[in-house]
Protein backbone atom coordinates (compact mmCIF):
# COMPACT_ATOMS: atom_id res chain seq x y z
CA MET A 1 28.05 17.55 -6.67
CA ARG A 2 26.85 15.83 -4.26
CA SER A 3 23.92 16.08 -1.58
CA MET A 4 23.39 14.19 1.41
CA GLY A 5 19.74 13.55 1.67
CA LYS A 6 16.24 11.98 3.28
CA LEU A 7 15.02 8.87 1.35
CA LEU A 8 12.44 6.62 0.87
CA VAL A 9 13.13 3.10 -0.59
CA VAL A 10 9.93 0.98 -1.85
CA ASP A 11 10.82 -2.79 -2.55
CA ASP A 12 8.63 -5.69 -2.00
CA ASP A 13 11.45 -7.83 -1.61
CA PRO A 14 13.30 -7.84 1.25
CA LEU A 15 16.79 -8.35 0.15
CA VAL A 16 16.51 -6.49 -2.41
CA ARG A 17 15.78 -3.36 -0.85
CA ALA A 18 17.78 -3.98 2.01
CA ALA A 19 20.52 -4.10 -0.97
CA LEU A 20 19.35 -0.67 -2.15
CA CYS A 21 19.39 0.93 1.44
CA ARG A 22 22.72 -0.23 2.03
CA MET A 23 23.91 1.31 -1.32
CA LEU A 24 22.59 4.39 -0.47
CA ALA A 25 23.36 4.58 3.42
CA ARG A 26 27.38 4.05 2.46
CA ARG A 27 27.10 7.41 0.64
CA GLY A 28 26.01 9.57 3.26
CA HIS A 29 22.30 9.05 2.82
CA GLU A 30 19.30 8.57 5.46
CA VAL A 31 17.64 6.24 4.08
CA HIS A 32 13.43 4.55 5.28
CA PRO A 33 12.76 1.96 3.92
CA ALA A 34 8.72 1.24 2.76
CA SER A 35 7.90 -2.73 2.05
CA GLY A 36 4.92 -1.63 -0.60
CA GLY A 37 3.30 1.83 -1.65
CA ARG A 38 1.00 1.48 0.83
CA GLU A 39 3.80 1.41 3.44
CA ALA A 40 5.21 4.44 1.90
CA LEU A 41 2.26 6.81 1.12
CA ALA A 42 2.04 6.57 5.09
CA GLN A 43 5.26 7.30 5.52
CA LEU A 44 5.05 10.38 3.29
CA GLU A 45 1.75 11.50 5.28
CA HIS A 46 4.10 12.19 7.90
CA MET A 47 7.81 13.20 6.82
CA VAL A 48 9.18 14.88 3.77
CA PHE A 49 11.98 12.99 1.41
CA ASP A 50 14.17 15.04 -0.71
CA ALA A 51 13.87 11.73 -3.14
CA VAL A 52 11.96 8.13 -3.28
CA VAL A 53 13.46 5.21 -5.08
CA SER A 54 10.86 2.86 -5.96
CA ASP A 55 10.47 -0.50 -7.80
CA ILE A 56 8.01 -1.08 -9.48
CA SER A 57 6.54 -4.50 -9.26
CA MET A 58 4.86 -4.78 -6.29
CA PRO A 59 1.92 -6.61 -5.15
CA ASP A 60 0.05 -4.30 -3.07
CA MET A 61 0.49 -1.11 -5.42
CA ASP A 62 2.96 -0.63 -8.92
CA GLY A 63 5.21 1.17 -8.90
CA VAL A 64 3.76 3.26 -11.19
CA ASP A 65 0.20 3.55 -9.06
CA PHE A 66 2.62 4.71 -6.31
CA LEU A 67 3.77 7.84 -8.09
CA ALA A 68 0.57 8.91 -8.80
CA ALA A 69 -0.33 9.02 -6.40
CA ILE A 70 3.04 10.97 -4.97
CA ARG A 71 1.77 13.28 -8.23
CA ALA A 72 -1.80 13.78 -6.35
CA ARG A 73 0.25 14.52 -3.14
CA ASP A 74 3.36 16.67 -4.77
CA VAL A 75 4.43 16.91 -8.07
CA LYS A 76 8.11 18.48 -6.78
CA VAL A 77 9.63 15.19 -5.15
CA PRO A 78 11.81 13.79 -7.45
CA VAL A 79 10.87 9.58 -8.31
CA VAL A 80 13.46 7.57 -9.25
CA LEU A 81 11.78 4.53 -11.01
CA VAL A 82 13.62 0.95 -10.68
CA THR A 83 12.35 -2.69 -12.59
CA GLY A 84 13.48 -6.02 -13.29
CA ILE A 85 10.81 -5.74 -16.66
CA PRO A 86 11.36 -2.55 -18.48
CA GLU A 87 8.54 -1.96 -20.78
CA LEU A 88 7.92 0.35 -22.94
CA THR A 89 4.27 1.01 -21.67
CA THR A 90 5.23 1.62 -17.99
CA ALA A 91 8.20 3.99 -19.15
CA MET A 92 5.88 6.20 -20.59
CA ARG A 93 3.90 6.15 -18.37
CA ALA A 94 5.99 7.20 -16.05
CA VAL A 95 7.58 10.01 -18.08
CA GLU A 96 3.69 11.16 -18.30
CA LEU A 97 3.43 11.65 -14.65
CA GLY A 98 7.25 12.89 -14.10
CA ALA A 99 9.12 10.11 -12.98
CA PHE A 100 12.87 11.42 -12.29
CA ARG A 101 14.25 8.26 -13.94
CA TYR A 102 13.67 5.25 -15.33
CA LEU A 103 16.70 2.38 -14.15
CA ALA A 104 16.97 -0.85 -15.04
CA LYS A 105 17.49 -3.53 -12.65
CA PRO A 106 20.55 -4.54 -11.56
CA VAL A 107 21.19 -0.79 -10.88
CA GLU A 108 24.98 -0.15 -10.48
CA PRO A 109 25.79 1.53 -7.52
CA LYS A 110 27.50 4.22 -9.06
CA VAL A 111 24.64 4.65 -11.23
CA LEU A 112 21.81 4.89 -8.57
CA GLY A 113 23.85 6.54 -6.56
CA GLU A 114 24.62 9.52 -8.64
CA THR A 115 21.08 9.64 -9.73
CA VAL A 116 19.52 9.85 -6.31
CA GLU A 117 22.44 12.74 -5.62
CA GLU A 118 20.89 14.50 -8.99
CA ALA A 119 17.54 13.66 -7.93
CA ILE A 120 18.13 15.61 -4.41
CA VAL A 121 20.26 18.36 -6.06
CA ALA A 122 16.77 18.88 -8.09
CA SER A 123 14.64 18.73 -5.36
CA GLU A 124 16.52 21.38 -3.43
CA ARG A 125 16.29 23.55 -6.86
CA ALA A 126 12.20 22.92 -6.48
CA ARG A 127 12.14 24.15 -2.74
CA ARG A 128 14.55 27.09 -3.43
CA ALA A 129 12.27 28.44 -6.47
CA GLN A 130 9.09 27.49 -4.51
CA SER A 131 10.47 29.50 -1.53
CA THR A 132 11.24 32.61 -3.20
CA VAL A 133 7.97 32.84 -5.41
CA ALA A 134 6.16 32.30 -2.06
C-alpha cells in the first residue's frame, strides 16, 4: 500500500540528510529538509506534514527531545527516528513518546521507504478518525 506524502527530514549531517531526502523523493514524496530540531520545529509551525524522519544524534536538539517537542504540539504525526548509535534507554524513551519506528543506520532504502509509507497511512487514518469525531 503506497501513499505519497509530505515529509520532514531532519539530520545535522548534510550528506546523510541529502541521501535520505533523495531516497524518499525517488519514491514520489514531497520532502522538506531541516538541519536540526530547532529548524524543523520552525517548519512545523508553518506546515503540516504526513510524517517526520529524524536523526537522534544532533547538536542543537537531539531527536528524542525533538520528538518530545513535536508531541507537545501534535500527538498524531508519525515520527520515525533513525540513529547510528542505537541505545536501549533512547529507544525506550522514544517509545514512551510515541515514536512510530526506531531504525538503526545505515537504513536500507527499501526499509526506510516502506516504514515512511506505513507512517503516512497511519497519519491519514488518524486524520480521518479525527474528522469523523469533530
